[in-house]
Amino acid sequence: MSLTTPYAPLTPEKIKTSKGKRAVPKSMKPGEFLKFEWPDEQHWELVAATPVLRPSADFRHQSLTGRLLCEWIKWCDINQDYGVVAGMGLLLEKAESILCPDLLVYAKSDLKAQKSGPLNLLPKVVIEVLSRESATLDHGPKRDIYAFIGVPEYWIVDPVSGGLTIYANPKEGEYTQLPADVSGFVRSPLLVRRLRILIDSGDSRILFQ
């Protein structure tokens, strides 16, 4: 696929493998990416056929991701047709991508055919928690990819400011950004609730209406 938002990743030209240093291909197919020997200490994604090194998550990122995961687990316990997973690979053949979102919510009925490897399904919600290095990627190419394949709801959450952006209603590869009210609450179509993220002294809380 061709990206709507231009993106020039800062990707190492070479990586260490068991056979010595090896050049990182500029372009790969998903099957090639899965067979490639990536360093265990690094996290790579395939973004529209381009290998991209993911930044390491800091404490604020992990803390907010954990809180969001807890809330979604509670919701999935009530709405048992759904499940949520954290940090799992997502195979998107149509978009020539293998992404690893912070959280994804899926319909359990879509998981029945899954055997191994990255998930091969269309999530109901994808959530990315920003880091300084990933902001351009999350707001640009990943948004384009999720809209292109038709993910119904895409959240971008800022662990520093508490900003919450929810994109929904993908049509012809484009999302609509859902508006926030004067208090900063945004309504999630799947949750059918309004929420906002509050950051206080570096700690995060999720408020609902």
N, C-alpha and C. Protein backbone atom coordinates (compact mmCIF):
# COMPACT_ATOMS: atom_id res chain seq x y z
N MET A 1 0.84 -1.19 0.00
CA MET A 1 0.00 0.00 0.00
C MET A 1 0.88 1.24 0.00
N SER A 2 0.35 2.34 -0.49
CA SER A 2 1.06 3.62 -0.44
C SER A 2 0.48 4.44 0.70
N LEU A 3 1.37 5.04 1.50
CA LEU A 3 0.94 5.79 2.67
C LEU A 3 0.46 7.18 2.29
N THR A 4 -0.63 7.62 2.92
CA THR A 4 -1.12 8.98 2.72
C THR A 4 -0.16 9.97 3.36
N THR A 5 0.37 9.60 4.53
CA THR A 5 1.29 10.45 5.27
C THR A 5 2.73 10.03 4.99
N PRO A 6 3.56 10.91 4.42
CA PRO A 6 4.96 10.55 4.17
C PRO A 6 5.67 10.21 5.49
N TYR A 7 6.59 9.25 5.40
CA TYR A 7 7.30 8.84 6.61
C TYR A 7 8.69 8.34 6.24
N ALA A 8 9.70 8.87 6.93
CA ALA A 8 11.08 8.45 6.70
C ALA A 8 11.63 7.90 8.01
N PRO A 9 11.54 6.60 8.25
CA PRO A 9 11.96 6.03 9.54
C PRO A 9 13.46 6.10 9.75
N LEU A 10 13.86 6.31 11.01
CA LEU A 10 15.27 6.27 11.38
C LEU A 10 15.62 4.83 11.74
N THR A 11 15.94 4.06 10.74
CA THR A 11 16.18 2.64 10.91
C THR A 11 17.66 2.32 10.75
N PRO A 12 18.26 1.52 11.65
CA PRO A 12 19.66 1.13 11.49
C PRO A 12 19.89 0.44 10.16
N GLU A 13 21.02 0.70 9.55
CA GLU A 13 21.33 0.06 8.28
C GLU A 13 21.73 -1.40 8.46
N LYS A 14 22.33 -1.72 9.63
CA LYS A 14 22.75 -3.09 9.89
C LYS A 14 22.37 -3.50 11.30
N ILE A 15 22.21 -4.80 11.51
CA ILE A 15 21.93 -5.35 12.83
C ILE A 15 22.84 -6.53 13.09
N LYS A 16 23.00 -6.88 14.37
CA LYS A 16 23.80 -8.05 14.73
C LYS A 16 22.93 -9.29 14.71
N THR A 17 23.43 -10.33 14.08
CA THR A 17 22.74 -11.62 14.06
C THR A 17 23.73 -12.70 14.50
N SER A 18 23.26 -13.92 14.59
CA SER A 18 24.13 -15.03 15.00
C SER A 18 25.24 -15.28 13.98
N LYS A 19 25.07 -14.75 12.77
CA LYS A 19 26.08 -14.94 11.71
C LYS A 19 26.85 -13.65 11.44
N GLY A 20 26.81 -12.73 12.40
CA GLY A 20 27.50 -11.46 12.21
C GLY A 20 26.54 -10.35 11.80
N LYS A 21 27.10 -9.22 11.43
CA LYS A 21 26.27 -8.09 11.04
C LYS A 21 25.58 -8.37 9.69
N ARG A 22 24.35 -7.89 9.63
CA ARG A 22 23.57 -8.12 8.41
C ARG A 22 22.81 -6.85 8.06
N ALA A 23 22.77 -6.52 6.78
CA ALA A 23 22.06 -5.32 6.33
C ALA A 23 20.56 -5.50 6.51
N VAL A 24 19.90 -4.43 6.92
CA VAL A 24 18.43 -4.43 7.05
C VAL A 24 17.83 -4.07 5.69
N PRO A 25 17.02 -4.94 5.13
CA PRO A 25 16.42 -4.64 3.82
C PRO A 25 15.57 -3.36 3.88
N LYS A 26 15.56 -2.62 2.81
CA LYS A 26 14.75 -1.41 2.74
C LYS A 26 13.27 -1.73 2.59
N SER A 27 12.98 -2.87 2.00
CA SER A 27 11.60 -3.28 1.78
C SER A 27 11.49 -4.78 1.94
N MET A 28 10.39 -5.23 2.55
CA MET A 28 10.20 -6.66 2.78
C MET A 28 8.72 -7.00 2.66
N LYS A 29 8.46 -8.26 2.31
CA LYS A 29 7.12 -8.79 2.38
C LYS A 29 6.92 -9.39 3.78
N PRO A 30 5.67 -9.50 4.25
CA PRO A 30 5.44 -10.04 5.60
C PRO A 30 6.11 -11.39 5.84
N GLY A 31 6.06 -12.28 4.86
CA GLY A 31 6.69 -13.59 5.03
C GLY A 31 8.20 -13.49 5.21
N GLU A 32 8.83 -12.59 4.46
CA GLU A 32 10.27 -12.37 4.59
C GLU A 32 10.61 -11.77 5.94
N PHE A 33 9.78 -10.86 6.40
CA PHE A 33 10.00 -10.22 7.70
C PHE A 33 9.95 -11.25 8.82
N LEU A 34 9.00 -12.16 8.77
CA LEU A 34 8.85 -13.17 9.82
C LEU A 34 10.02 -14.16 9.84
N LYS A 35 10.64 -14.40 8.70
CA LYS A 35 11.75 -15.34 8.63
C LYS A 35 13.10 -14.69 8.94
N PHE A 36 13.15 -13.38 8.94
CA PHE A 36 14.41 -12.66 9.14
C PHE A 36 14.86 -12.80 10.60
N GLU A 37 16.16 -12.85 10.83
CA GLU A 37 16.70 -12.99 12.19
C GLU A 37 16.88 -11.60 12.81
N TRP A 38 15.89 -11.18 13.61
CA TRP A 38 15.97 -9.89 14.28
C TRP A 38 16.59 -10.06 15.67
N PRO A 39 17.36 -9.09 16.15
CA PRO A 39 17.95 -9.20 17.49
C PRO A 39 16.89 -9.35 18.58
N ASP A 40 17.13 -10.26 19.53
CA ASP A 40 16.16 -10.50 20.60
C ASP A 40 15.89 -9.26 21.45
N GLU A 41 16.90 -8.40 21.60
CA GLU A 41 16.74 -7.23 22.47
C GLU A 41 16.07 -6.05 21.77
N GLN A 42 15.74 -6.21 20.49
CA GLN A 42 15.10 -5.13 19.74
C GLN A 42 13.70 -5.54 19.31
N HIS A 43 12.85 -4.55 19.12
CA HIS A 43 11.48 -4.79 18.68
C HIS A 43 11.27 -4.10 17.34
N TRP A 44 11.00 -4.91 16.32
CA TRP A 44 10.83 -4.40 14.97
C TRP A 44 9.39 -4.59 14.51
N GLU A 45 8.96 -3.68 13.64
CA GLU A 45 7.67 -3.80 12.97
C GLU A 45 7.88 -3.65 11.47
N LEU A 46 6.92 -4.15 10.73
CA LEU A 46 6.90 -3.94 9.28
C LEU A 46 5.77 -2.96 8.97
N VAL A 47 6.14 -1.78 8.51
CA VAL A 47 5.17 -0.71 8.29
C VAL A 47 5.07 -0.44 6.79
N ALA A 48 3.99 -0.92 6.18
CA ALA A 48 3.80 -0.75 4.73
C ALA A 48 5.05 -1.19 3.97
N ALA A 49 5.51 -2.40 4.29
CA ALA A 49 6.65 -3.06 3.64
C ALA A 49 8.01 -2.53 4.08
N THR A 50 8.06 -1.59 5.02
CA THR A 50 9.32 -1.02 5.49
C THR A 50 9.61 -1.47 6.91
N PRO A 51 10.76 -2.11 7.17
CA PRO A 51 11.12 -2.49 8.54
C PRO A 51 11.40 -1.24 9.39
N VAL A 52 10.83 -1.20 10.59
CA VAL A 52 10.99 -0.05 11.48
C VAL A 52 11.33 -0.55 12.88
N LEU A 53 12.35 0.03 13.49
CA LEU A 53 12.74 -0.31 14.85
C LEU A 53 11.86 0.46 15.84
N ARG A 54 11.16 -0.28 16.71
CA ARG A 54 10.31 0.35 17.71
C ARG A 54 11.15 0.90 18.86
N PRO A 55 10.79 2.09 19.38
CA PRO A 55 11.51 2.63 20.54
C PRO A 55 11.17 1.85 21.80
N SER A 56 12.10 1.84 22.75
CA SER A 56 11.84 1.20 24.03
C SER A 56 10.85 2.03 24.83
N ALA A 57 9.92 1.37 25.51
CA ALA A 57 8.90 2.07 26.28
C ALA A 57 9.46 2.52 27.63
N ASP A 58 9.09 3.75 28.06
CA ASP A 58 9.53 4.22 29.37
C ASP A 58 8.46 3.93 30.43
N PHE A 59 8.71 4.36 31.66
CA PHE A 59 7.81 4.02 32.77
C PHE A 59 6.41 4.58 32.55
N ARG A 60 6.31 5.85 32.12
CA ARG A 60 4.99 6.46 31.94
C ARG A 60 4.19 5.72 30.88
N HIS A 61 4.87 5.33 29.83
CA HIS A 61 4.21 4.57 28.76
C HIS A 61 3.67 3.25 29.30
N GLN A 62 4.50 2.52 30.02
CA GLN A 62 4.09 1.22 30.55
C GLN A 62 3.00 1.34 31.60
N SER A 63 3.09 2.38 32.43
CA SER A 63 2.09 2.57 33.48
C SER A 63 0.71 2.84 32.88
N LEU A 64 0.66 3.73 31.90
CA LEU A 64 -0.63 4.05 31.28
C LEU A 64 -1.16 2.86 30.49
N THR A 65 -0.29 2.15 29.80
CA THR A 65 -0.72 0.96 29.08
C THR A 65 -1.34 -0.06 30.03
N GLY A 66 -0.72 -0.22 31.21
CA GLY A 66 -1.26 -1.14 32.21
C GLY A 66 -2.63 -0.73 32.70
N ARG A 67 -2.83 0.55 32.92
CA ARG A 67 -4.14 1.03 33.39
C ARG A 67 -5.22 0.84 32.32
N LEU A 68 -4.87 1.14 31.09
CA LEU A 68 -5.82 0.94 30.00
C LEU A 68 -6.17 -0.54 29.85
N LEU A 69 -5.16 -1.40 29.98
CA LEU A 69 -5.40 -2.84 29.89
C LEU A 69 -6.36 -3.30 30.98
N CYS A 70 -6.18 -2.82 32.20
CA CYS A 70 -7.07 -3.21 33.30
C CYS A 70 -8.51 -2.81 33.01
N GLU A 71 -8.71 -1.61 32.48
CA GLU A 71 -10.08 -1.16 32.19
C GLU A 71 -10.71 -2.01 31.09
N TRP A 72 -9.91 -2.34 30.07
CA TRP A 72 -10.47 -3.16 28.99
C TRP A 72 -10.73 -4.60 29.46
N ILE A 73 -9.92 -5.12 30.36
CA ILE A 73 -10.19 -6.45 30.90
C ILE A 73 -11.52 -6.46 31.64
N LYS A 74 -11.76 -5.41 32.44
CA LYS A 74 -13.05 -5.30 33.14
C LYS A 74 -14.21 -5.28 32.16
N TRP A 75 -14.04 -4.51 31.08
CA TRP A 75 -15.10 -4.39 30.08
C TRP A 75 -15.33 -5.73 29.38
N CYS A 76 -14.24 -6.44 29.05
CA CYS A 76 -14.35 -7.72 28.36
C CYS A 76 -14.93 -8.80 29.28
N ASP A 77 -14.73 -8.67 30.60
CA ASP A 77 -15.35 -9.61 31.54
C ASP A 77 -16.87 -9.50 31.50
N ILE A 78 -17.36 -8.30 31.23
CA ILE A 78 -18.81 -8.07 31.12
C ILE A 78 -19.30 -8.40 29.72
N ASN A 79 -18.53 -7.95 28.72
CA ASN A 79 -18.90 -8.18 27.32
C ASN A 79 -18.04 -9.34 26.81
N GLN A 80 -18.49 -10.54 27.08
CA GLN A 80 -17.63 -11.72 26.93
C GLN A 80 -17.43 -12.18 25.49
N ASP A 81 -18.00 -11.48 24.52
CA ASP A 81 -17.73 -11.79 23.13
C ASP A 81 -16.40 -11.19 22.67
N TYR A 82 -15.78 -10.38 23.57
CA TYR A 82 -14.56 -9.67 23.20
C TYR A 82 -13.40 -10.07 24.11
N GLY A 83 -12.19 -9.86 23.59
CA GLY A 83 -10.98 -10.07 24.37
C GLY A 83 -10.01 -8.94 24.11
N VAL A 84 -9.00 -8.82 24.96
CA VAL A 84 -7.98 -7.78 24.79
C VAL A 84 -6.61 -8.40 25.04
N VAL A 85 -5.62 -8.01 24.24
CA VAL A 85 -4.26 -8.48 24.42
C VAL A 85 -3.31 -7.29 24.33
N ALA A 86 -2.16 -7.42 24.96
CA ALA A 86 -1.16 -6.36 24.97
C ALA A 86 0.11 -6.83 24.27
N GLY A 87 0.68 -5.95 23.42
CA GLY A 87 1.99 -6.19 22.84
C GLY A 87 2.10 -7.41 21.95
N MET A 88 1.02 -7.78 21.28
CA MET A 88 1.06 -8.96 20.41
C MET A 88 1.11 -8.53 18.95
N GLY A 89 1.88 -9.27 18.15
CA GLY A 89 2.01 -8.95 16.74
C GLY A 89 0.69 -9.09 15.99
N LEU A 90 0.50 -8.23 14.99
CA LEU A 90 -0.72 -8.22 14.20
C LEU A 90 -0.33 -8.26 12.73
N LEU A 91 -0.69 -9.34 12.05
CA LEU A 91 -0.36 -9.52 10.64
C LEU A 91 -1.44 -8.90 9.78
N LEU A 92 -1.04 -7.94 8.94
CA LEU A 92 -1.97 -7.22 8.06
C LEU A 92 -1.45 -7.36 6.63
N GLU A 93 -1.74 -8.50 6.02
CA GLU A 93 -1.21 -8.80 4.69
C GLU A 93 -1.61 -7.75 3.67
N LYS A 94 -2.85 -7.32 3.71
CA LYS A 94 -3.36 -6.35 2.73
C LYS A 94 -2.55 -5.06 2.75
N ALA A 95 -2.05 -4.69 3.93
CA ALA A 95 -1.28 -3.46 4.09
C ALA A 95 0.22 -3.71 4.12
N GLU A 96 0.64 -4.95 3.81
CA GLU A 96 2.06 -5.32 3.81
C GLU A 96 2.72 -4.92 5.14
N SER A 97 2.03 -5.23 6.23
CA SER A 97 2.48 -4.77 7.54
C SER A 97 2.36 -5.86 8.59
N ILE A 98 3.28 -5.81 9.56
CA ILE A 98 3.19 -6.59 10.78
C ILE A 98 3.45 -5.60 11.92
N LEU A 99 2.41 -5.22 12.62
CA LEU A 99 2.49 -4.20 13.66
C LEU A 99 2.34 -4.84 15.03
N CYS A 100 2.76 -4.11 16.04
CA CYS A 100 2.66 -4.60 17.42
C CYS A 100 2.07 -3.49 18.29
N PRO A 101 0.76 -3.27 18.19
CA PRO A 101 0.14 -2.20 18.97
C PRO A 101 0.23 -2.48 20.47
N ASP A 102 0.14 -1.41 21.26
CA ASP A 102 0.21 -1.58 22.71
C ASP A 102 -0.95 -2.43 23.21
N LEU A 103 -2.16 -2.17 22.70
CA LEU A 103 -3.33 -2.97 23.06
C LEU A 103 -4.18 -3.16 21.81
N LEU A 104 -4.83 -4.30 21.73
CA LEU A 104 -5.85 -4.46 20.70
C LEU A 104 -7.02 -5.26 21.26
N VAL A 105 -8.21 -4.85 20.88
CA VAL A 105 -9.45 -5.50 21.30
C VAL A 105 -10.00 -6.24 20.09
N TYR A 106 -10.39 -7.48 20.29
CA TYR A 106 -10.82 -8.32 19.18
C TYR A 106 -12.11 -9.06 19.55
N ALA A 107 -12.82 -9.53 18.55
CA ALA A 107 -13.98 -10.39 18.76
C ALA A 107 -13.47 -11.82 18.91
N LYS A 108 -13.88 -12.50 19.96
CA LYS A 108 -13.39 -13.86 20.20
C LYS A 108 -13.73 -14.81 19.05
N SER A 109 -14.82 -14.55 18.36
CA SER A 109 -15.20 -15.40 17.22
C SER A 109 -14.17 -15.32 16.10
N ASP A 110 -13.42 -14.21 16.02
CA ASP A 110 -12.41 -14.05 14.97
C ASP A 110 -11.12 -14.80 15.29
N LEU A 111 -11.00 -15.27 16.53
CA LEU A 111 -9.76 -15.89 16.98
C LEU A 111 -9.76 -17.40 16.76
N LYS A 112 -10.90 -17.97 16.38
CA LYS A 112 -11.01 -19.42 16.30
C LYS A 112 -10.06 -20.04 15.28
N ALA A 113 -9.79 -19.34 14.20
CA ALA A 113 -8.94 -19.89 13.15
C ALA A 113 -7.45 -19.63 13.40
N GLN A 114 -7.13 -18.92 14.48
CA GLN A 114 -5.74 -18.58 14.77
C GLN A 114 -4.98 -19.82 15.25
N LYS A 115 -3.82 -20.08 14.68
CA LYS A 115 -3.01 -21.24 15.06
C LYS A 115 -1.74 -20.82 15.78
N SER A 116 -0.94 -19.97 15.16
CA SER A 116 0.30 -19.54 15.79
C SER A 116 0.76 -18.25 15.11
N GLY A 117 1.86 -17.69 15.65
CA GLY A 117 2.41 -16.48 15.06
C GLY A 117 1.59 -15.25 15.37
N PRO A 118 1.85 -14.16 14.64
CA PRO A 118 1.09 -12.92 14.89
C PRO A 118 -0.39 -13.11 14.59
N LEU A 119 -1.21 -12.36 15.29
CA LEU A 119 -2.66 -12.45 15.07
C LEU A 119 -3.00 -12.07 13.64
N ASN A 120 -3.87 -12.84 13.03
CA ASN A 120 -4.30 -12.58 11.66
C ASN A 120 -5.81 -12.34 11.68
N LEU A 121 -6.18 -11.15 12.12
CA LEU A 121 -7.59 -10.79 12.24
C LEU A 121 -7.74 -9.27 12.18
N LEU A 122 -8.98 -8.82 12.09
CA LEU A 122 -9.26 -7.39 12.07
C LEU A 122 -9.70 -6.97 13.47
N PRO A 123 -8.87 -6.23 14.20
CA PRO A 123 -9.25 -5.81 15.56
C PRO A 123 -10.47 -4.88 15.54
N LYS A 124 -11.16 -4.84 16.66
CA LYS A 124 -12.26 -3.90 16.83
C LYS A 124 -11.74 -2.54 17.29
N VAL A 125 -10.69 -2.58 18.12
CA VAL A 125 -10.05 -1.34 18.59
C VAL A 125 -8.55 -1.59 18.65
N VAL A 126 -7.78 -0.61 18.20
CA VAL A 126 -6.32 -0.62 18.36
C VAL A 126 -5.94 0.59 19.19
N ILE A 127 -5.04 0.39 20.17
CA ILE A 127 -4.60 1.48 21.04
C ILE A 127 -3.10 1.58 21.00
N GLU A 128 -2.61 2.77 20.69
CA GLU A 128 -1.18 3.06 20.73
C GLU A 128 -0.92 4.14 21.78
N VAL A 129 -0.01 3.86 22.71
CA VAL A 129 0.41 4.84 23.70
C VAL A 129 1.70 5.48 23.16
N LEU A 130 1.69 6.79 23.06
CA LEU A 130 2.79 7.50 22.42
C LEU A 130 4.09 7.42 23.22
N SER A 131 5.18 7.46 22.50
CA SER A 131 6.47 7.82 23.06
C SER A 131 7.00 8.94 22.17
N ARG A 132 8.01 9.64 22.62
CA ARG A 132 8.52 10.76 21.84
C ARG A 132 8.95 10.31 20.45
N GLU A 133 9.56 9.12 20.37
CA GLU A 133 10.07 8.64 19.09
C GLU A 133 8.99 8.08 18.18
N SER A 134 7.85 7.67 18.75
CA SER A 134 6.83 7.00 17.93
C SER A 134 5.69 7.91 17.50
N ALA A 135 5.68 9.16 17.94
CA ALA A 135 4.53 10.04 17.69
C ALA A 135 4.24 10.19 16.19
N THR A 136 5.29 10.44 15.40
CA THR A 136 5.09 10.62 13.96
C THR A 136 4.55 9.35 13.32
N LEU A 137 5.06 8.21 13.77
CA LEU A 137 4.61 6.92 13.22
C LEU A 137 3.16 6.64 13.59
N ASP A 138 2.80 6.86 14.86
CA ASP A 138 1.44 6.54 15.33
C ASP A 138 0.39 7.47 14.72
N HIS A 139 0.74 8.75 14.58
CA HIS A 139 -0.23 9.72 14.04
C HIS A 139 -0.28 9.70 12.52
N GLY A 140 0.73 9.08 11.88
CA GLY A 140 0.78 9.09 10.42
C GLY A 140 0.58 7.73 9.80
N PRO A 141 1.67 7.00 9.52
CA PRO A 141 1.55 5.73 8.80
C PRO A 141 0.65 4.69 9.47
N LYS A 142 0.74 4.54 10.80
CA LYS A 142 -0.12 3.54 11.45
C LYS A 142 -1.59 3.92 11.34
N ARG A 143 -1.88 5.20 11.49
CA ARG A 143 -3.27 5.64 11.31
C ARG A 143 -3.74 5.32 9.88
N ASP A 144 -2.88 5.58 8.89
CA ASP A 144 -3.23 5.28 7.50
C ASP A 144 -3.50 3.80 7.31
N ILE A 145 -2.64 2.97 7.91
CA ILE A 145 -2.78 1.52 7.76
C ILE A 145 -4.07 1.02 8.40
N TYR A 146 -4.33 1.44 9.63
CA TYR A 146 -5.53 0.97 10.32
C TYR A 146 -6.81 1.44 9.62
N ALA A 147 -6.78 2.64 9.05
CA ALA A 147 -7.94 3.12 8.29
C ALA A 147 -8.08 2.32 7.00
N PHE A 148 -6.96 2.03 6.36
CA PHE A 148 -6.96 1.31 5.08
C PHE A 148 -7.56 -0.08 5.22
N ILE A 149 -7.22 -0.79 6.31
CA ILE A 149 -7.74 -2.15 6.47
C ILE A 149 -9.11 -2.16 7.15
N GLY A 150 -9.55 -1.01 7.68
CA GLY A 150 -10.91 -0.91 8.23
C GLY A 150 -11.05 -1.18 9.71
N VAL A 151 -10.00 -0.94 10.51
CA VAL A 151 -10.15 -1.06 11.97
C VAL A 151 -11.17 -0.02 12.43
N PRO A 152 -12.27 -0.44 13.08
CA PRO A 152 -13.34 0.50 13.40
C PRO A 152 -12.95 1.65 14.33
N GLU A 153 -11.97 1.41 15.20
CA GLU A 153 -11.65 2.42 16.22
C GLU A 153 -10.15 2.39 16.53
N TYR A 154 -9.52 3.55 16.48
CA TYR A 154 -8.08 3.65 16.73
C TYR A 154 -7.84 4.76 17.72
N TRP A 155 -7.21 4.39 18.86
CA TRP A 155 -6.90 5.37 19.90
C TRP A 155 -5.40 5.69 19.88
N ILE A 156 -5.10 6.96 20.10
CA ILE A 156 -3.72 7.39 20.35
C ILE A 156 -3.74 8.13 21.69
N VAL A 157 -2.92 7.66 22.63
CA VAL A 157 -2.94 8.21 23.98
C VAL A 157 -1.55 8.76 24.32
N ASP A 158 -1.52 9.97 24.86
CA ASP A 158 -0.27 10.63 25.23
C ASP A 158 -0.04 10.49 26.74
N PRO A 159 0.99 9.74 27.17
CA PRO A 159 1.20 9.52 28.61
C PRO A 159 1.78 10.74 29.32
N VAL A 160 2.18 11.77 28.59
CA VAL A 160 2.73 12.98 29.20
C VAL A 160 1.62 14.00 29.46
N SER A 161 0.82 14.28 28.44
CA SER A 161 -0.23 15.30 28.57
C SER A 161 -1.58 14.72 28.94
N GLY A 162 -1.77 13.41 28.72
CA GLY A 162 -3.08 12.80 28.92
C GLY A 162 -3.99 12.95 27.73
N GLY A 163 -3.47 13.52 26.65
CA GLY A 163 -4.29 13.70 25.45
C GLY A 163 -4.78 12.37 24.89
N LEU A 164 -6.05 12.35 24.51
CA LEU A 164 -6.67 11.15 23.95
C LEU A 164 -7.29 11.50 22.60
N THR A 165 -6.82 10.83 21.55
CA THR A 165 -7.38 11.00 20.22
C THR A 165 -8.02 9.69 19.81
N ILE A 166 -9.28 9.75 19.41
CA ILE A 166 -9.97 8.56 18.94
C ILE A 166 -10.41 8.79 17.50
N TYR A 167 -9.94 7.90 16.62
CA TYR A 167 -10.36 7.91 15.22
C TYR A 167 -11.37 6.78 15.03
N ALA A 168 -12.37 7.02 14.19
CA ALA A 168 -13.41 6.00 13.97
C ALA A 168 -13.99 6.17 12.56
N ASN A 169 -14.91 5.27 12.23
CA ASN A 169 -15.66 5.33 10.96
C ASN A 169 -14.76 5.40 9.73
N PRO A 170 -13.87 4.40 9.56
CA PRO A 170 -12.99 4.44 8.38
C PRO A 170 -13.77 4.29 7.07
N LYS A 171 -13.51 5.20 6.15
CA LYS A 171 -14.15 5.16 4.83
C LYS A 171 -13.12 5.54 3.78
N GLU A 172 -12.94 4.65 2.80
CA GLU A 172 -12.00 4.89 1.71
C GLU A 172 -10.61 5.27 2.23
N GLY A 173 -10.18 4.56 3.28
CA GLY A 173 -8.85 4.76 3.80
C GLY A 173 -8.66 5.99 4.65
N GLU A 174 -9.75 6.61 5.07
CA GLU A 174 -9.66 7.82 5.90
C GLU A 174 -10.52 7.66 7.15
N TYR A 175 -10.00 8.17 8.27
CA TYR A 175 -10.75 8.16 9.53
C TYR A 175 -11.43 9.51 9.77
N THR A 176 -12.41 9.48 10.65
CA THR A 176 -12.97 10.70 11.23
C THR A 176 -12.47 10.79 12.67
N GLN A 177 -11.89 11.92 13.05
CA GLN A 177 -11.47 12.11 14.44
C GLN A 177 -12.67 12.53 15.26
N LEU A 178 -12.93 11.80 16.33
CA LEU A 178 -14.09 12.08 17.17
C LEU A 178 -13.81 13.28 18.06
N PRO A 179 -14.79 14.17 18.23
CA PRO A 179 -14.55 15.40 18.99
C PRO A 179 -14.53 15.16 20.50
N ALA A 180 -13.75 15.96 21.19
CA ALA A 180 -13.76 15.98 22.66
C ALA A 180 -14.64 17.11 23.12
N ASP A 181 -15.29 16.94 24.28
CA ASP A 181 -16.09 18.03 24.82
C ASP A 181 -15.19 19.02 25.55
N VAL A 182 -15.78 20.04 26.15
CA VAL A 182 -14.99 21.11 26.77
C VAL A 182 -14.16 20.59 27.95
N SER A 183 -14.54 19.45 28.51
CA SER A 183 -13.79 18.87 29.63
C SER A 183 -12.76 17.85 29.17
N GLY A 184 -12.67 17.65 27.85
CA GLY A 184 -11.68 16.72 27.32
C GLY A 184 -12.15 15.28 27.21
N PHE A 185 -13.44 15.02 27.44
CA PHE A 185 -13.96 13.66 27.33
C PHE A 185 -14.29 13.34 25.86
N VAL A 186 -13.93 12.11 25.45
CA VAL A 186 -14.21 11.64 24.09
C VAL A 186 -15.02 10.35 24.20
N ARG A 187 -16.02 10.20 23.34
CA ARG A 187 -16.87 9.01 23.39
C ARG A 187 -16.30 7.90 22.51
N SER A 188 -16.12 6.73 23.12
CA SER A 188 -15.68 5.54 22.38
C SER A 188 -16.91 4.81 21.85
N PRO A 189 -17.01 4.60 20.53
CA PRO A 189 -18.17 3.89 19.99
C PRO A 189 -18.35 2.48 20.54
N LEU A 190 -17.25 1.72 20.74
CA LEU A 190 -17.40 0.36 21.25
C LEU A 190 -17.73 0.35 22.73
N LEU A 191 -17.06 1.17 23.51
CA LEU A 191 -17.35 1.24 24.94
C LEU A 191 -18.73 1.85 25.22
N VAL A 192 -19.17 2.70 24.31
CA VAL A 192 -20.40 3.48 24.47
C VAL A 192 -20.31 4.30 25.76
N ARG A 193 -19.13 4.86 25.99
CA ARG A 193 -18.89 5.70 27.15
C ARG A 193 -17.92 6.82 26.76
N ARG A 194 -18.00 7.91 27.52
CA ARG A 194 -17.05 9.00 27.33
C ARG A 194 -15.93 8.85 28.36
N LEU A 195 -14.72 9.15 27.94
CA LEU A 195 -13.59 9.00 28.85
C LEU A 195 -12.54 10.06 28.56
N ARG A 196 -11.67 10.24 29.54
CA ARG A 196 -10.49 11.09 29.37
C ARG A 196 -9.37 10.55 30.24
N ILE A 197 -8.15 10.95 29.94
CA ILE A 197 -6.98 10.52 30.69
C ILE A 197 -6.49 11.69 31.53
N LEU A 198 -6.31 11.46 32.82
CA LEU A 198 -5.82 12.49 33.72
C LEU A 198 -4.42 12.11 34.19
N ILE A 199 -3.46 13.01 33.98
CA ILE A 199 -2.09 12.80 34.45
C ILE A 199 -1.85 13.70 35.64
N ASP A 200 -1.50 13.11 36.78
CA ASP A 200 -1.30 13.87 38.01
C ASP A 200 0.02 13.42 38.65
N SER A 201 1.00 14.34 38.70
CA SER A 201 2.32 14.04 39.27
C SER A 201 2.96 12.80 38.64
N GLY A 202 2.78 12.68 37.32
CA GLY A 202 3.38 11.58 36.59
C GLY A 202 2.57 10.30 36.60
N ASP A 203 1.50 10.25 37.42
CA ASP A 203 0.66 9.07 37.46
C ASP A 203 -0.58 9.30 36.59
N SER A 204 -1.15 8.23 36.08
CA SER A 204 -2.29 8.35 35.17
C SER A 204 -3.55 7.75 35.77
N ARG A 205 -4.68 8.38 35.45
CA ARG A 205 -5.98 7.85 35.83
C ARG A 205 -6.91 7.95 34.63
N ILE A 206 -7.86 7.04 34.55
CA ILE A 206 -8.83 7.05 33.46
C ILE A 206 -10.19 7.40 34.06
N LEU A 207 -10.76 8.49 33.59
CA LEU A 207 -12.04 8.95 34.09
C LEU A 207 -13.13 8.65 33.07
N PHE A 208 -14.29 8.23 33.56
CA PHE A 208 -15.42 7.89 32.67
C PHE A 208 -16.63 8.75 33.02
N GLN A 209 -17.47 8.95 32.01
CA GLN A 209 -18.77 9.62 32.23
C GLN A 209 -19.86 8.69 31.74
